[in-house]
Amino acid sequence: MHVRHLQVVDFRSWEQADLELEPGASVLVGRNGQGKTNLVEAIGYVATLGSHRVATDAPLVRIGAQQAIIRTAVVNDGRELTVELEITPGKANRARINRGPVPRPRDVLGILRTVLFAPEDLALVRGDPGERRRFLDDLLVLRAPRFAGVRADYDRVLKQRNALLKSAATNRRARRSDPDALVTLEVWDGHLATHGAQLLAARLDLVADLDPLAAAAYAGVAPESRPARVHYRSKIEDLLPEGYGKEGGQRADPEVVADALLAEMARRRDQELERGVSLVGPHRDELDLVLGDAPAKGYASHGESWSFALALRLGSYELLRADGTEPVLVLDDVFAELDRLRRQRLAEVAVAAEQVLVTAAVEEDVPSELRGTRYAVVDGTVRRV
């Protein structure tokens, strides 16, 4: 799989840019603030319908413009598909495949797969649990695009259930009785358990697959460090059969997970009604990153944190490759942050990729084997040199 062509209109700092790309390594070189990261961000957006830098779409539209457009030509096994996305803050985004409109933007998911490593990834190790949950869910969608719908359905149900709990908590504090609310809450319990179980079971299986790959990647980039592992920690962990979410263990059954969610919601009913918020479900879970016997967060050195973030991305890359489609590897301004050993380890993986896109402020930061085709990004222009 590779991106043959990228065009953006009113995306970030770019009024317009056209970029012809080839398989192998392509390096975008330019000083900070020239817009090179914006170009690879556009490619990542096509793959995930999200940005690795911001949580909403509004910053993606150039100041003064009403909408941004991204067009890509993606080649996979000799077949080329063109994807076009219109990003319009405050309105529904639109998508086209081969110039034909599709019902929903998420229908383009799966056409392009990318694994992007960027300075922001340090938050995977040092940030809050939401960063790691988002990492898992984005990887789920890359592996199986249908999980974009599962995640959207879960978020919708969670929002509705939280609104009901908030109302019930208000009535409780005012000593008002509302038996109908409790009956309605039981209905939403079922919805949350159904959608949440699909997401949670998929995360458990994903972590079981990712753990050995991330551990091997970490050993490769930081051989002098303690061994690394990843573990999925859920509020219902004690209610599940032993081995769920572990390498070589039983694959997670959504029906079993749904029963466990319902049981835990029943157990914590009074707490939820008191606090007015859902305390059970995949939105409360955590991906534990462990070095030796200690959590990476708060205990890992700066170098170990970088290595763990890199290992998560390289493990993701190997996982997607094992699924049968090699993703595009994007390395956004990371070589300047890595020491010589980590640079070399990353380059050894990247050089074997079908396509790797690299951004750097100076070409000397990029290992020689990855310098490939070079593009200069200067003063709002991008050109091959």
Protein backbone atom coordinates (compact mmCIF):
# COMPACT_ATOMS: atom_id res chain seq x y z
CA MET A 1 0.00 0.00 0.00
CA HIS A 2 1.22 3.50 -0.79
CA VAL A 3 -0.04 7.03 -1.37
CA ARG A 4 0.62 8.08 -4.97
CA HIS A 5 -0.75 11.60 -4.80
CA LEU A 6 -1.83 14.10 -2.15
CA GLN A 7 -3.65 17.36 -2.72
CA VAL A 8 -4.88 19.73 -0.02
CA VAL A 9 -6.92 22.91 -0.34
CA ASP A 10 -7.28 25.31 2.61
CA PHE A 11 -5.93 22.69 4.99
CA ARG A 12 -4.08 24.13 7.97
CA SER A 13 -1.49 26.61 6.63
CA TRP A 14 -1.86 25.46 3.03
CA GLU A 15 -3.98 27.38 0.56
CA GLN A 16 -3.14 24.61 -1.89
CA ALA A 17 -0.50 21.92 -2.23
CA ASP A 18 0.04 19.06 -4.68
CA LEU A 19 2.46 16.28 -3.95
CA GLU A 20 3.34 13.30 -6.12
CA LEU A 21 4.72 10.45 -4.02
CA GLU A 22 6.40 7.13 -4.73
CA PRO A 23 6.94 3.87 -2.87
CA GLY A 24 10.01 3.80 -0.65
CA ALA A 25 11.28 6.63 1.50
CA SER A 26 10.21 10.23 0.96
CA VAL A 27 11.63 12.99 3.15
CA LEU A 28 9.96 16.39 3.56
CA VAL A 29 12.58 18.87 4.75
CA GLY A 30 11.81 22.37 5.97
CA ARG A 31 12.25 24.68 8.90
CA ASN A 32 9.73 24.57 11.71
CA GLY A 33 6.50 26.33 10.81
CA GLN A 34 6.75 25.72 7.07
CA GLY A 35 3.86 23.22 6.96
CA LYS A 36 5.55 19.86 6.44
CA THR A 37 3.74 18.27 9.39
CA ASN A 38 0.45 19.59 8.02
CA LEU A 39 0.92 17.49 4.88
CA VAL A 40 1.47 14.20 6.70
CA GLU A 41 -1.35 15.15 9.08
CA ALA A 42 -3.65 15.29 6.05
CA ILE A 43 -2.59 11.78 5.06
CA GLY A 44 -3.22 10.54 8.59
CA TYR A 45 -6.65 12.17 8.55
CA VAL A 46 -7.67 10.14 5.50
CA ALA A 47 -6.69 6.96 7.33
CA THR A 48 -8.36 7.73 10.66
CA LEU A 49 -10.72 10.72 10.16
CA GLY A 50 -8.85 12.38 13.01
CA SER A 51 -5.75 14.41 13.71
CA HIS A 52 -2.82 13.33 15.87
CA ARG A 53 -2.46 16.95 17.01
CA VAL A 54 -5.95 18.31 17.78
CA ALA A 55 -9.23 16.82 18.98
CA THR A 56 -11.60 18.79 16.72
CA ASP A 57 -11.75 19.64 13.03
CA ALA A 58 -11.93 23.43 13.29
CA PRO A 59 -8.13 24.01 13.49
CA LEU A 60 -7.68 21.96 10.32
CA VAL A 61 -9.35 24.62 8.16
CA ARG A 62 -7.11 27.49 7.04
CA ILE A 63 -7.91 30.77 8.77
CA GLY A 64 -10.39 32.71 6.63
CA ALA A 65 -11.59 29.63 4.69
CA GLN A 66 -14.94 27.89 5.13
CA GLN A 67 -13.81 24.33 4.53
CA ALA A 68 -10.73 22.22 3.86
CA ILE A 69 -10.37 19.56 1.18
CA ILE A 70 -8.03 16.56 1.15
CA ARG A 71 -7.63 14.36 -1.93
CA THR A 72 -5.49 11.26 -2.01
CA ALA A 73 -4.79 8.53 -4.54
CA VAL A 74 -4.06 5.28 -2.72
CA VAL A 75 -2.59 2.21 -4.42
CA ASN A 76 -3.13 -1.20 -2.84
CA ASP A 77 -2.19 -4.43 -4.64
CA GLY A 78 -2.16 -2.62 -7.98
CA ARG A 79 -5.61 -1.11 -7.52
CA GLU A 80 -5.91 2.67 -7.17
CA LEU A 81 -8.69 4.44 -5.27
CA THR A 82 -9.15 8.18 -4.95
CA VAL A 83 -10.47 9.50 -1.65
CA GLU A 84 -11.75 13.05 -1.21
CA LEU A 85 -12.77 14.54 2.14
CA GLU A 86 -14.47 17.88 2.75
CA ILE A 87 -13.97 19.18 6.29
CA THR A 88 -16.53 21.82 7.26
CA PRO A 89 -16.57 22.84 10.94
CA GLY A 90 -20.07 23.10 12.35
CA LYS A 91 -21.52 20.98 9.54
CA ALA A 92 -21.35 17.35 8.49
CA ASN A 93 -18.16 16.44 6.67
CA ARG A 94 -18.52 14.78 3.27
CA ALA A 95 -16.55 12.10 1.46
CA ARG A 96 -16.15 10.72 -2.05
CA ILE A 97 -14.51 7.60 -3.39
CA ASN A 98 -13.46 7.76 -7.05
CA ARG A 99 -15.50 10.99 -7.28
CA GLY A 100 -18.69 9.26 -6.15
CA PRO A 101 -20.26 10.45 -2.87
CA VAL A 102 -20.58 7.95 -0.02
CA PRO A 103 -23.26 8.09 2.70
CA ARG A 104 -20.84 8.70 5.58
CA PRO A 105 -17.21 9.82 5.83
CA ARG A 106 -16.36 6.70 7.80
CA ASP A 107 -17.10 4.65 4.67
CA VAL A 108 -13.60 5.60 3.47
CA LEU A 109 -11.93 3.95 6.47
CA GLY A 110 -9.79 0.99 5.49
CA ILE A 111 -8.78 2.35 2.08
CA LEU A 112 -5.61 3.81 3.58
CA ARG A 113 -3.80 2.48 6.62
CA THR A 114 -1.08 4.49 8.30
CA VAL A 115 1.06 4.20 11.40
CA LEU A 116 2.28 7.61 12.49
CA PHE A 117 4.98 8.29 15.05
CA ALA A 118 5.25 11.91 16.20
CA PRO A 119 6.51 13.94 19.18
CA GLU A 120 2.94 14.02 20.49
CA ASP A 121 3.21 10.27 21.11
CA LEU A 122 5.08 10.90 24.34
CA ALA A 123 1.58 11.48 25.75
CA LEU A 124 0.86 7.78 25.22
CA VAL A 125 3.21 7.10 28.11
CA ARG A 126 2.99 10.27 30.19
CA GLY A 127 -0.55 11.43 29.43
CA ASP A 128 -3.90 10.54 30.95
CA PRO A 129 -5.73 7.23 30.30
CA GLY A 130 -7.83 8.80 27.55
CA GLU A 131 -4.73 9.06 25.36
CA ARG A 132 -4.13 5.33 25.62
CA ARG A 133 -7.79 4.43 25.11
CA ARG A 134 -7.81 6.55 21.95
CA PHE A 135 -4.65 4.79 20.76
CA LEU A 136 -6.34 1.40 21.16
CA ASP A 137 -9.56 2.47 19.46
CA ASP A 138 -7.76 4.09 16.53
CA LEU A 139 -5.79 0.88 16.03
CA LEU A 140 -9.00 -1.15 16.24
CA VAL A 141 -10.53 0.94 13.46
CA LEU A 142 -7.42 0.55 11.31
CA ARG A 143 -7.67 -3.23 11.68
CA ALA A 144 -11.46 -3.39 11.24
CA PRO A 145 -13.21 -0.18 10.11
CA ARG A 146 -16.58 -1.37 11.45
CA PHE A 147 -15.37 -0.44 14.93
CA ALA A 148 -15.76 3.22 14.00
CA GLY A 149 -19.50 2.56 14.11
CA VAL A 150 -19.22 0.55 17.32
CA ARG A 151 -17.32 3.37 19.01
CA ALA A 152 -19.81 5.98 17.77
CA ASP A 153 -22.75 3.90 19.01
CA TYR A 154 -21.12 3.46 22.41
CA ASP A 155 -20.39 7.17 22.75
CA ARG A 156 -24.01 7.98 21.89
CA VAL A 157 -25.40 5.52 24.45
CA LEU A 158 -22.95 6.72 27.10
CA LYS A 159 -24.02 10.32 26.58
CA GLN A 160 -27.70 9.41 26.93
CA ARG A 161 -27.11 7.27 30.02
CA ASN A 162 -25.01 9.96 31.68
CA ALA A 163 -27.78 12.51 31.09
CA LEU A 164 -30.29 10.18 32.74
CA LEU A 165 -27.98 9.53 35.70
CA LYS A 166 -27.38 13.24 36.15
CA SER A 167 -31.11 13.87 36.22
CA ALA A 168 -31.64 11.01 38.67
CA ALA A 169 -28.86 12.32 40.92
CA THR A 170 -30.47 15.78 40.96
CA ASN A 171 -33.84 14.30 41.92
CA ARG A 172 -32.21 12.20 44.62
CA ARG A 173 -30.56 15.22 46.23
CA ALA A 174 -33.90 17.05 46.12
CA ARG A 175 -35.53 13.98 47.70
CA ARG A 176 -37.84 13.58 44.72
CA SER A 177 -38.90 10.07 43.77
CA ASP A 178 -38.90 9.11 40.08
CA PRO A 179 -39.44 5.34 39.66
CA ASP A 180 -39.81 5.68 35.89
CA ALA A 181 -36.23 6.96 35.69
CA LEU A 182 -34.93 3.74 37.23
CA VAL A 183 -36.89 1.65 34.74
CA THR A 184 -35.50 3.73 31.89
CA LEU A 185 -32.01 3.40 33.36
CA GLU A 186 -32.26 -0.39 33.16
CA VAL A 187 -33.00 -0.08 29.44
CA TRP A 188 -29.91 2.07 28.94
CA ASP A 189 -27.91 -0.41 31.04
CA GLY A 190 -28.68 -2.98 28.38
CA HIS A 191 -27.68 -0.68 25.54
CA LEU A 192 -24.42 0.27 27.27
CA ALA A 193 -23.60 -3.37 27.98
CA THR A 194 -24.30 -4.43 24.38
CA HIS A 195 -22.23 -1.74 22.67
CA GLY A 196 -19.63 -1.57 25.41
CA ALA A 197 -19.05 -5.32 25.31
CA GLN A 198 -18.24 -5.22 21.59
CA LEU A 199 -15.69 -2.47 22.14
CA LEU A 200 -14.21 -3.93 25.31
CA ALA A 201 -13.92 -7.47 23.94
CA ALA A 202 -12.18 -6.15 20.84
CA ARG A 203 -9.76 -4.14 22.97
CA LEU A 204 -8.94 -7.22 25.05
CA ASP A 205 -8.13 -9.24 21.94
CA LEU A 206 -6.17 -6.34 20.47
CA VAL A 207 -3.97 -6.00 23.55
CA ALA A 208 -3.37 -9.76 23.59
CA ASP A 209 -2.08 -9.48 20.01
CA LEU A 210 -0.15 -6.25 20.57
CA ASP A 211 1.64 -7.14 23.81
CA PRO A 212 4.33 -9.48 22.39
CA LEU A 213 4.94 -7.23 19.39
CA ALA A 214 5.34 -4.09 21.51
CA ALA A 215 7.57 -5.97 23.95
CA ALA A 216 9.82 -7.17 21.11
CA ALA A 217 9.95 -3.69 19.61
CA TYR A 218 10.89 -2.19 22.96
CA ALA A 219 13.66 -4.74 23.45
CA GLY A 220 14.96 -3.77 20.02
CA VAL A 221 15.06 -0.01 20.59
CA ALA A 222 16.12 -0.15 24.26
CA PRO A 223 18.00 -3.43 24.79
CA GLU A 224 19.64 -2.12 27.96
CA SER A 225 16.30 -1.36 29.63
CA ARG A 226 13.87 -3.44 31.65
CA PRO A 227 11.39 -5.62 29.72
CA ALA A 228 8.17 -3.92 28.63
CA ARG A 229 4.64 -5.23 28.51
CA VAL A 230 1.14 -3.87 27.99
CA HIS A 231 -1.93 -4.96 29.93
CA TYR A 232 -5.58 -4.00 29.61
CA ARG A 233 -7.11 -3.08 32.97
CA SER A 234 -10.89 -3.04 33.22
CA LYS A 235 -13.36 -2.38 36.03
CA ILE A 236 -14.83 -5.81 35.29
CA GLU A 237 -11.52 -7.67 35.06
CA ASP A 238 -12.28 -9.87 38.08
CA LEU A 239 -15.60 -10.94 36.52
CA LEU A 240 -14.04 -12.25 33.30
CA PRO A 241 -12.54 -15.70 32.66
CA GLU A 242 -8.82 -15.90 33.31
CA GLY A 243 -6.69 -15.25 30.25
CA TYR A 244 -8.86 -12.61 28.57
CA GLY A 245 -6.62 -9.93 27.09
CA LYS A 246 -3.44 -11.97 27.44
CA GLU A 247 -1.20 -13.58 24.83
CA GLY A 248 -2.22 -17.17 24.24
CA GLY A 249 -5.36 -16.73 26.34
CA GLN A 250 -9.00 -17.17 25.47
CA ARG A 251 -10.46 -14.77 22.92
CA ALA A 252 -12.99 -12.46 24.46
CA ASP A 253 -16.67 -13.30 24.02
CA PRO A 254 -18.85 -10.14 23.81
CA GLU A 255 -21.80 -11.94 25.45
CA VAL A 256 -19.67 -12.88 28.46
CA VAL A 257 -18.32 -9.32 28.64
CA ALA A 258 -21.86 -7.88 28.41
CA ASP A 259 -23.02 -10.04 31.35
CA ALA A 260 -20.03 -8.85 33.39
CA LEU A 261 -20.80 -5.21 32.57
CA LEU A 262 -24.42 -5.60 33.65
CA ALA A 263 -23.36 -7.27 36.90
CA GLU A 264 -20.90 -4.49 37.70
CA MET A 265 -23.42 -1.77 36.85
CA ALA A 266 -25.90 -3.39 39.22
CA ARG A 267 -23.26 -3.56 41.96
CA ARG A 268 -22.36 0.11 41.56
CA ARG A 269 -25.88 1.41 41.00
CA ASP A 270 -26.00 3.50 44.18
CA GLN A 271 -22.60 5.08 43.43
CA GLU A 272 -23.67 6.01 39.91
CA LEU A 273 -26.95 7.50 41.11
CA GLU A 274 -25.10 9.46 43.78
CA ARG A 275 -22.47 10.86 41.41
CA GLY A 276 -24.67 11.17 38.32
CA VAL A 277 -22.20 9.56 35.93
CA SER A 278 -21.47 6.13 34.41
CA LEU A 279 -18.70 4.44 36.38
CA VAL A 280 -18.57 1.19 34.42
CA GLY A 281 -17.61 0.59 30.80
CA PRO A 282 -14.68 0.82 28.40
CA HIS A 283 -14.60 4.61 28.85
CA ARG A 284 -13.26 3.99 32.39
CA ASP A 285 -10.64 1.39 31.47
CA GLU A 286 -6.87 1.77 31.21
CA LEU A 287 -4.02 0.41 29.11
CA ASP A 288 -1.23 -0.28 31.58
CA LEU A 289 2.30 0.23 30.26
CA VAL A 290 4.75 -1.65 32.46
CA LEU A 291 8.57 -1.64 32.63
CA GLY A 292 9.88 -4.48 34.73
CA ASP A 293 7.64 -4.39 37.79
CA ALA A 294 6.81 -0.68 37.68
CA PRO A 295 4.36 1.40 35.65
CA ALA A 296 6.05 3.37 32.89
CA LYS A 297 4.08 6.50 33.77
CA GLY A 298 5.88 8.27 36.56
CA TYR A 299 8.77 5.81 36.72
CA ALA A 300 10.25 5.67 33.20
CA SER A 301 13.10 7.98 32.26
CA HIS A 302 12.74 10.35 29.33
CA GLY A 303 14.57 7.89 27.06
CA GLU A 304 12.51 4.95 28.28
CA SER A 305 9.29 6.90 27.72
CA TRP A 306 10.32 7.69 24.15
CA SER A 307 11.26 4.05 23.61
CA PHE A 308 7.90 2.83 24.91
CA ALA A 309 5.98 5.25 22.70
CA LEU A 310 8.03 4.12 19.72
CA ALA A 311 7.50 0.46 20.65
CA LEU A 312 3.72 0.95 20.68
CA ARG A 313 3.83 2.38 17.15
CA LEU A 314 6.24 -0.24 15.82
CA GLY A 315 4.14 -2.98 17.43
CA SER A 316 1.07 -1.50 15.73
CA TYR A 317 2.91 -1.49 12.42
CA GLU A 318 3.86 -5.16 12.75
CA LEU A 319 0.32 -6.06 13.80
CA LEU A 320 -1.20 -4.42 10.72
CA ARG A 321 1.40 -6.08 8.51
CA ALA A 322 0.48 -9.45 10.01
CA ASP A 323 -3.14 -8.77 9.06
CA GLY A 324 -2.07 -8.81 5.41
CA THR A 325 -1.85 -5.14 4.38
CA GLU A 326 1.34 -3.20 4.94
CA PRO A 327 0.51 0.29 6.19
CA VAL A 328 2.20 3.52 5.22
CA LEU A 329 4.72 4.44 7.91
CA VAL A 330 4.83 8.15 8.80
CA LEU A 331 7.67 9.52 10.95
CA ASP A 332 6.90 13.11 11.81
CA ASP A 333 9.92 15.05 13.08
CA VAL A 334 11.02 12.30 15.46
CA PHE A 335 14.64 11.57 14.54
CA ALA A 336 15.79 14.80 16.18
CA GLU A 337 14.30 13.51 19.45
CA LEU A 338 16.04 10.11 19.40
CA ASP A 339 19.58 9.12 20.30
CA ARG A 340 21.83 7.30 17.86
CA LEU A 341 20.75 3.76 18.85
CA ARG A 342 17.03 4.52 18.70
CA ARG A 343 17.45 6.29 15.35
CA GLN A 344 19.19 3.23 13.95
CA ARG A 345 16.61 0.78 15.26
CA LEU A 346 13.77 2.85 13.83
CA ALA A 347 15.56 3.18 10.49
CA GLU A 348 16.01 -0.61 10.28
CA VAL A 349 12.26 -1.09 10.47
CA ALA A 350 11.38 1.86 8.25
CA VAL A 351 13.71 1.00 5.40
CA ALA A 352 11.81 -2.24 4.80
CA ALA A 353 8.42 -0.51 4.58
CA GLU A 354 6.66 -0.26 1.24
CA GLN A 355 6.31 3.48 1.83
CA VAL A 356 7.71 5.64 4.61
CA LEU A 357 7.13 9.38 4.84
CA VAL A 358 9.57 11.36 6.97
CA THR A 359 9.54 15.01 8.02
CA ALA A 360 12.63 16.76 9.37
CA ALA A 361 13.86 20.28 9.98
CA VAL A 362 17.30 19.37 8.62
CA GLU A 363 18.19 16.48 6.37
CA GLU A 364 21.11 15.48 8.58
CA ASP A 365 18.65 14.30 11.27
CA VAL A 366 17.44 11.52 8.97
CA PRO A 367 19.50 8.31 8.74
CA SER A 368 21.17 8.02 5.33
CA GLU A 369 19.28 4.86 4.35
CA LEU A 370 15.97 6.75 4.63
CA ARG A 371 16.81 9.91 2.72
CA GLY A 372 15.27 8.56 -0.50
CA THR A 373 13.26 11.10 -2.48
CA ARG A 374 13.59 14.57 -0.97
CA TYR A 375 11.05 17.38 -0.98
CA ALA A 376 11.75 20.94 0.11
CA VAL A 377 8.97 22.68 2.05
CA VAL A 378 9.61 26.42 1.96
CA ASP A 379 7.41 29.53 2.12
CA GLY A 380 4.13 27.80 1.35
CA THR A 381 5.49 25.61 -1.44
CA VAL A 382 6.54 21.99 -1.65
CA ARG A 383 8.75 20.71 -4.47
CA ARG A 384 10.86 17.70 -5.25
CA VAL A 385 14.60 18.33 -5.25
